[in-house]
PDB file of N, CA and C in Angstrom:
ATOM      1  N   UNK A   1      48.854  57.427  92.662  1.00  0.00           N
ATOM      2  CA  UNK A   1      48.083  56.248  92.971  1.00  0.00           C
ATOM      3  C   UNK A   1      46.835  56.234  92.082  1.00  0.00           C
ATOM      4  N   UNK A   2      46.401  55.043  91.694  1.00  0.00           N
ATOM      5  CA  UNK A   2      45.208  54.942  90.862  1.00  0.00           C
ATOM      6  C   UNK A   2      44.148  54.071  91.547  1.00  0.00           C
ATOM      7  N   UNK A   3      42.978  54.008  90.941  1.00  0.00           N
ATOM      8  CA  UNK A   3      41.867  53.267  91.555  1.00  0.00           C
ATOM      9  C   UNK A   3      42.130  51.778  91.679  1.00  0.00           C
ATOM     10  N   UNK A   4      42.942  51.233  90.798  1.00  0.00           N
ATOM     11  CA  UNK A   4      43.221  49.798  90.845  1.00  0.00           C
ATOM     12  C   UNK A   4      43.915  49.411  92.151  1.00  0.00           C
ATOM     13  N   UNK A   5      44.635  50.343  92.759  1.00  0.00           N
ATOM     14  CA  UNK A   5      45.344  50.047  94.001  1.00  0.00           C
ATOM     15  C   UNK A   5      44.705  50.720  95.221  1.00  0.00           C
ATOM     16  N   UNK A   6      43.494  51.231  95.068  1.00  0.00           N
ATOM     17  CA  UNK A   6      42.806  51.919  96.165  1.00  0.00           C
ATOM     18  C   UNK A   6      42.277  50.930  97.200  1.00  0.00           C
ATOM     19  N   UNK A   7      42.127  51.412  98.417  1.00  0.00           N
ATOM     20  CA  UNK A   7      41.590  50.618  99.517  1.00  0.00           C
ATOM     21  C   UNK A   7      40.063  50.653  99.447  1.00  0.00           C
ATOM     22  N   UNK A   8      39.441  49.489  99.594  1.00  0.00           N
ATOM     23  CA  UNK A   8      37.979  49.400  99.560  1.00  0.00           C
ATOM     24  C   UNK A   8      37.356  50.164 100.724  1.00  0.00           C
ATOM     25  N   UNK A   9      36.286  50.902 100.432  1.00  0.00           N
ATOM     26  CA  UNK A   9      35.543  51.616 101.457  1.00  0.00           C
ATOM     27  C   UNK A   9      36.071  52.990 101.797  1.00  0.00           C
ATOM     28  N   UNK A  10      37.209  53.373 101.260  1.00  0.00           N
ATOM     29  CA  UNK A  10      37.793  54.678 101.551  1.00  0.00           C
ATOM     30  C   UNK A  10      37.449  55.659 100.432  1.00  0.00           C
ATOM     31  N   UNK A  11      37.083  56.876 100.818  1.00  0.00           N
ATOM     32  CA  UNK A  11      36.756  57.899  99.827  1.00  0.00           C
ATOM     33  C   UNK A  11      38.022  58.615  99.381  1.00  0.00           C
ATOM     34  N   UNK A  12      38.146  58.818  98.090  1.00  0.00           N
ATOM     35  CA  UNK A  12      39.282  59.520  97.495  1.00  0.00           C
ATOM     36  C   UNK A  12      38.759  60.666  96.639  1.00  0.00           C
ATOM     37  N   UNK A  13      39.634  61.586  96.320  1.00  0.00           N
ATOM     38  CA  UNK A  13      39.312  62.679  95.401  1.00  0.00           C
ATOM     39  C   UNK A  13      40.048  62.396  94.089  1.00  0.00           C
ATOM     40  N   UNK A  14      39.333  62.460  92.989  1.00  0.00           N
ATOM     41  CA  UNK A  14      39.946  62.220  91.680  1.00  0.00           C
ATOM     42  C   UNK A  14      40.877  63.381  91.359  1.00  0.00           C
ATOM     43  N   UNK A  15      42.143  63.075  91.098  1.00  0.00           N
ATOM     44  CA  UNK A  15      43.113  64.101  90.735  1.00  0.00           C
ATOM     45  C   UNK A  15      43.191  64.306  89.235  1.00  0.00           C
ATOM     46  N   UNK A  16      43.113  63.198  88.480  1.00  0.00           N
ATOM     47  CA  UNK A  16      43.261  63.294  87.036  1.00  0.00           C
ATOM     48  C   UNK A  16      42.739  62.016  86.394  1.00  0.00           C
ATOM     49  N   UNK A  17      42.346  62.108  85.136  1.00  0.00           N
ATOM     50  CA  UNK A  17      41.961  60.944  84.354  1.00  0.00           C
ATOM     51  C   UNK A  17      42.834  60.948  83.115  1.00  0.00           C
ATOM     52  N   UNK A  18      43.599  59.879  82.929  1.00  0.00           N
ATOM     53  CA  UNK A  18      44.547  59.811  81.817  1.00  0.00           C
ATOM     54  C   UNK A  18      44.105  58.768  80.801  1.00  0.00           C
ATOM     55  N   UNK A  19      43.386  59.234  79.791  1.00  0.00           N
ATOM     56  CA  UNK A  19      43.006  58.385  78.664  1.00  0.00           C
ATOM     57  C   UNK A  19      43.277  59.161  77.389  1.00  0.00           C
ATOM     58  N   UNK A  20      43.456  58.445  76.302  1.00  0.00           N
ATOM     59  CA  UNK A  20      43.660  59.077  75.001  1.00  0.00           C
ATOM     60  C   UNK A  20      42.371  59.111  74.190  1.00  0.00           C
ATOM     61  N   UNK A  21      41.292  58.648  74.783  1.00  0.00           N
ATOM     62  CA  UNK A  21      40.013  58.517  74.102  1.00  0.00           C
ATOM     63  C   UNK A  21      39.065  59.619  74.560  1.00  0.00           C
ATOM     64  N   UNK A  22      38.767  60.574  73.687  1.00  0.00           N
ATOM     65  CA  UNK A  22      37.886  61.687  74.040  1.00  0.00           C
ATOM     66  C   UNK A  22      36.465  61.210  74.330  1.00  0.00           C
ATOM     67  N   UNK A  23      36.026  60.171  73.629  1.00  0.00           N
ATOM     68  CA  UNK A  23      34.692  59.634  73.852  1.00  0.00           C
ATOM     69  C   UNK A  23      34.583  59.027  75.255  1.00  0.00           C
ATOM     70  N   UNK A  24      35.621  58.355  75.694  1.00  0.00           N
ATOM     71  CA  UNK A  24      35.651  57.786  77.040  1.00  0.00           C
ATOM     72  C   UNK A  24      35.674  58.896  78.088  1.00  0.00           C
ATOM     73  N   UNK A  25      36.444  59.937  77.834  1.00  0.00           N
ATOM     74  CA  UNK A  25      36.464  61.094  78.744  1.00  0.00           C
ATOM     75  C   UNK A  25      35.068  61.699  78.896  1.00  0.00           C
ATOM     76  N   UNK A  26      34.368  61.842  77.777  1.00  0.00           N
ATOM     77  CA  UNK A  26      33.014  62.407  77.813  1.00  0.00           C
ATOM     78  C   UNK A  26      32.057  61.491  78.571  1.00  0.00           C
ATOM     79  N   UNK A  27      32.206  60.177  78.398  1.00  0.00           N
ATOM     80  CA  UNK A  27      31.360  59.220  79.110  1.00  0.00           C
ATOM     81  C   UNK A  27      31.599  59.307  80.611  1.00  0.00           C
ATOM     82  N   UNK A  28      32.859  59.329  81.019  1.00  0.00           N
ATOM     83  CA  UNK A  28      33.187  59.429  82.446  1.00  0.00           C
ATOM     84  C   UNK A  28      32.659  60.731  83.035  1.00  0.00           C
ATOM     85  N   UNK A  29      32.786  61.812  82.280  1.00  0.00           N
ATOM     86  CA  UNK A  29      32.276  63.099  82.744  1.00  0.00           C
ATOM     87  C   UNK A  29      30.765  63.024  82.954  1.00  0.00           C
ATOM     88  N   UNK A  30      30.050  62.328  82.074  1.00  0.00           N
ATOM     89  CA  UNK A  30      28.593  62.212  82.211  1.00  0.00           C
ATOM     90  C   UNK A  30      28.205  61.411  83.452  1.00  0.00           C
ATOM     91  N   UNK A  31      29.111  60.530  83.919  1.00  0.00           N
ATOM     92  CA  UNK A  31      28.867  59.769  85.145  1.00  0.00           C
ATOM     93  C   UNK A  31      29.187  60.593  86.400  1.00  0.00           C
ATOM     94  N   UNK A  32      29.877  61.712  86.209  1.00  0.00           N
ATOM     95  CA  UNK A  32      30.300  62.522  87.343  1.00  0.00           C
ATOM     96  C   UNK A  32      31.726  62.219  87.762  1.00  0.00           C
ATOM     97  N   UNK A  33      32.459  61.547  86.902  1.00  0.00           N
ATOM     98  CA  UNK A  33      33.841  61.148  87.187  1.00  0.00           C
ATOM     99  C   UNK A  33      34.787  62.148  86.519  1.00  0.00           C
ATOM    100  N   UNK A  34      35.246  63.144  87.285  1.00  0.00           N
ATOM    101  CA  UNK A  34      36.167  64.159  86.784  1.00  0.00           C
ATOM    102  C   UNK A  34      36.987  64.704  87.940  1.00  0.00           C
ATOM    103  N   UNK A  35      38.016  65.451  87.629  1.00  0.00           N
ATOM    104  CA  UNK A  35      38.937  65.972  88.641  1.00  0.00           C
ATOM    105  C   UNK A  35      38.197  66.750  89.716  1.00  0.00           C
ATOM    106  N   UNK A  36      38.580  66.479  90.980  1.00  0.00           N
ATOM    107  CA  UNK A  36      37.996  67.173  92.114  1.00  0.00           C
ATOM    108  C   UNK A  36      36.772  66.482  92.704  1.00  0.00           C
ATOM    109  N   UNK A  37      36.284  65.449  92.048  1.00  0.00           N
ATOM    110  CA  UNK A  37      35.073  64.752  92.495  1.00  0.00           C
ATOM    111  C   UNK A  37      35.452  63.590  93.419  1.00  0.00           C
ATOM    112  N   UNK A  38      34.701  63.384  94.513  1.00  0.00           N
ATOM    113  CA  UNK A  38      34.973  62.237  95.386  1.00  0.00           C
ATOM    114  C   UNK A  38      34.544  60.920  94.725  1.00  0.00           C
ATOM    115  N   UNK A  39      35.297  59.860  95.003  1.00  0.00           N
ATOM    116  CA  UNK A  39      34.999  58.532  94.479  1.00  0.00           C
ATOM    117  C   UNK A  39      35.370  57.511  95.556  1.00  0.00           C
ATOM    118  N   UNK A  40      34.580  56.463  95.670  1.00  0.00           N
ATOM    119  CA  UNK A  40      34.819  55.419  96.659  1.00  0.00           C
ATOM    120  C   UNK A  40      34.851  54.068  95.964  1.00  0.00           C
ATOM    121  N   UNK A  41      35.869  53.259  96.253  1.00  0.00           N
ATOM    122  CA  UNK A  41      35.922  51.891  95.727  1.00  0.00           C
ATOM    123  C   UNK A  41      35.115  51.015  96.682  1.00  0.00           C
ATOM    124  N   UNK A  42      34.041  50.430  96.173  1.00  0.00           N
ATOM    125  CA  UNK A  42      33.182  49.565  96.977  1.00  0.00           C
ATOM    126  C   UNK A  42      33.822  48.181  97.106  1.00  0.00           C
ATOM    127  N   UNK A  43      34.290  47.634  95.990  1.00  0.00           N
ATOM    128  CA  UNK A  43      34.940  46.320  96.022  1.00  0.00           C
ATOM    129  C   UNK A  43      35.814  46.133  94.796  1.00  0.00           C
ATOM    130  N   UNK A  44      36.817  45.281  94.934  1.00  0.00           N
ATOM    131  CA  UNK A  44      37.682  44.903  93.821  1.00  0.00           C
ATOM    132  C   UNK A  44      37.225  43.558  93.289  1.00  0.00           C
ATOM    133  N   UNK A  45      37.249  43.398  91.988  1.00  0.00           N
ATOM    134  CA  UNK A  45      36.899  42.150  91.314  1.00  0.00           C
ATOM    135  C   UNK A  45      38.097  41.741  90.457  1.00  0.00           C
ATOM    136  N   UNK A  46      38.073  40.519  89.929  1.00  0.00           N
ATOM    137  CA  UNK A  46      39.150  40.068  89.044  1.00  0.00           C
ATOM    138  C   UNK A  46      39.249  40.919  87.788  1.00  0.00           C
ATOM    139  N   UNK A  47      38.104  41.303  87.248  1.00  0.00           N
ATOM    140  CA  UNK A  47      38.091  42.061  86.003  1.00  0.00           C
ATOM    141  C   UNK A  47      38.061  43.572  86.198  1.00  0.00           C
ATOM    142  N   UNK A  48      37.979  44.047  87.437  1.00  0.00           N
ATOM    143  CA  UNK A  48      37.909  45.479  87.683  1.00  0.00           C
ATOM    144  C   UNK A  48      37.470  45.777  89.093  1.00  0.00           C
ATOM    145  N   UNK A  49      36.688  46.851  89.250  1.00  0.00           N
ATOM    146  CA  UNK A  49      36.204  47.201  90.578  1.00  0.00           C
ATOM    147  C   UNK A  49      34.855  47.904  90.475  1.00  0.00           C
ATOM    148  N   UNK A  50      34.155  47.899  91.590  1.00  0.00           N
ATOM    149  CA  UNK A  50      32.875  48.593  91.706  1.00  0.00           C
ATOM    150  C   UNK A  50      33.150  49.891  92.454  1.00  0.00           C
ATOM    151  N   UNK A  51      32.719  51.013  91.865  1.00  0.00           N
ATOM    152  CA  UNK A  51      32.966  52.312  92.477  1.00  0.00           C
ATOM    153  C   UNK A  51      31.656  53.051  92.696  1.00  0.00           C
ATOM    154  N   UNK A  52      31.692  53.965  93.641  1.00  0.00           N
ATOM    155  CA  UNK A  52      30.557  54.834  93.906  1.00  0.00           C
ATOM    156  C   UNK A  52      30.963  56.255  93.546  1.00  0.00           C
ATOM    157  N   UNK A  53      30.209  56.847  92.624  1.00  0.00           N
ATOM    158  CA  UNK A  53      30.428  58.233  92.205  1.00  0.00           C
ATOM    159  C   UNK A  53      29.095  58.940  92.363  1.00  0.00           C
ATOM    160  N   UNK A  54      29.095  60.007  93.151  1.00  0.00           N
ATOM    161  CA  UNK A  54      27.856  60.715  93.480  1.00  0.00           C
ATOM    162  C   UNK A  54      26.876  59.719  94.069  1.00  0.00           C
ATOM    163  N   UNK A  55      25.701  59.523  93.481  1.00  0.00           N
ATOM    164  CA  UNK A  55      24.711  58.597  94.025  1.00  0.00           C
ATOM    165  C   UNK A  55      24.633  57.291  93.251  1.00  0.00           C
ATOM    166  N   UNK A  56      25.594  57.039  92.354  1.00  0.00           N
ATOM    167  CA  UNK A  56      25.545  55.831  91.529  1.00  0.00           C
ATOM    168  C   UNK A  56      26.702  54.890  91.807  1.00  0.00           C
ATOM    169  N   UNK A  57      26.469  53.617  91.485  1.00  0.00           N
ATOM    170  CA  UNK A  57      27.521  52.599  91.579  1.00  0.00           C
ATOM    171  C   UNK A  57      27.787  52.069  90.181  1.00  0.00           C
ATOM    172  N   UNK A  58      29.070  51.929  89.855  1.00  0.00           N
ATOM    173  CA  UNK A  58      29.457  51.508  88.519  1.00  0.00           C
ATOM    174  C   UNK A  58      30.554  50.458  88.597  1.00  0.00           C
ATOM    175  N   UNK A  59      30.531  49.527  87.654  1.00  0.00           N
ATOM    176  CA  UNK A  59      31.571  48.527  87.540  1.00  0.00           C
ATOM    177  C   UNK A  59      32.519  48.980  86.433  1.00  0.00           C
ATOM    178  N   UNK A  60      33.790  49.163  86.760  1.00  0.00           N
ATOM    179  CA  UNK A  60      34.759  49.586  85.755  1.00  0.00           C
ATOM    180  C   UNK A  60      35.862  48.536  85.658  1.00  0.00           C
ATOM    181  N   UNK A  61      36.433  48.393  84.473  1.00  0.00           N
ATOM    182  CA  UNK A  61      37.470  47.387  84.283  1.00  0.00           C
ATOM    183  C   UNK A  61      38.817  47.886  84.802  1.00  0.00           C
ATOM    184  N   UNK A  62      39.774  46.963  84.885  1.00  0.00           N
ATOM    185  CA  UNK A  62      41.094  47.296  85.449  1.00  0.00           C
ATOM    186  C   UNK A  62      41.826  48.354  84.646  1.00  0.00           C
ATOM    187  N   UNK A  63      41.683  48.336  83.322  1.00  0.00           N
ATOM    188  CA  UNK A  63      42.361  49.318  82.486  1.00  0.00           C
ATOM    189  C   UNK A  63      41.868  50.728  82.789  1.00  0.00           C
ATOM    190  N   UNK A  64      40.576  50.891  82.927  1.00  0.00           N
ATOM    191  CA  UNK A  64      40.004  52.195  83.241  1.00  0.00           C
ATOM    192  C   UNK A  64      40.344  52.607  84.674  1.00  0.00           C
ATOM    193  N   UNK A  65      40.313  51.639  85.598  1.00  0.00           N
ATOM    194  CA  UNK A  65      40.661  51.942  86.988  1.00  0.00           C
ATOM    195  C   UNK A  65      42.106  52.442  87.087  1.00  0.00           C
ATOM    196  N   UNK A  66      42.975  51.920  86.245  1.00  0.00           N
ATOM    197  CA  UNK A  66      44.374  52.363  86.245  1.00  0.00           C
ATOM    198  C   UNK A  66      44.530  53.768  85.681  1.00  0.00           C
ATOM    199  N   UNK A  67      43.579  54.200  84.858  1.00  0.00           N
ATOM    200  CA  UNK A  67      43.643  55.531  84.234  1.00  0.00           C
ATOM    201  C   UNK A  67      43.101  56.623  85.143  1.00  0.00           C
ATOM    202  N   UNK A  68      42.369  56.261  86.202  1.00  0.00           N
ATOM    203  CA  UNK A  68      41.800  57.247  87.117  1.00  0.00           C
ATOM    204  C   UNK A  68      42.758  57.424  88.280  1.00  0.00           C
ATOM    205  N   UNK A  69      43.384  58.585  88.351  1.00  0.00           N
ATOM    206  CA  UNK A  69      44.372  58.872  89.399  1.00  0.00           C
ATOM    207  C   UNK A  69      43.712  59.546  90.586  1.00  0.00           C
ATOM    208  N   UNK A  70      44.072  59.064  91.773  1.00  0.00           N
ATOM    209  CA  UNK A  70      43.493  59.607  93.005  1.00  0.00           C
ATOM    210  C   UNK A  70      44.592  60.123  93.914  1.00  0.00           C
TER     211      UNK A  70
END
């Protein structure tokens, strides 16, 4: 299951991030988005979703949400 199909308001644990872009992996890691970290989908939007990671909220697009496995 990935973030694009996650239920709003429920906390999940990130199992894996599947991207071919090392720069994107490094960016996500700097946000605290890596395997074993809890993540919560706050809301779904047409272009993506709003997520809560640690103490921050971020808007991510659908392509990235599909790459984050929970």
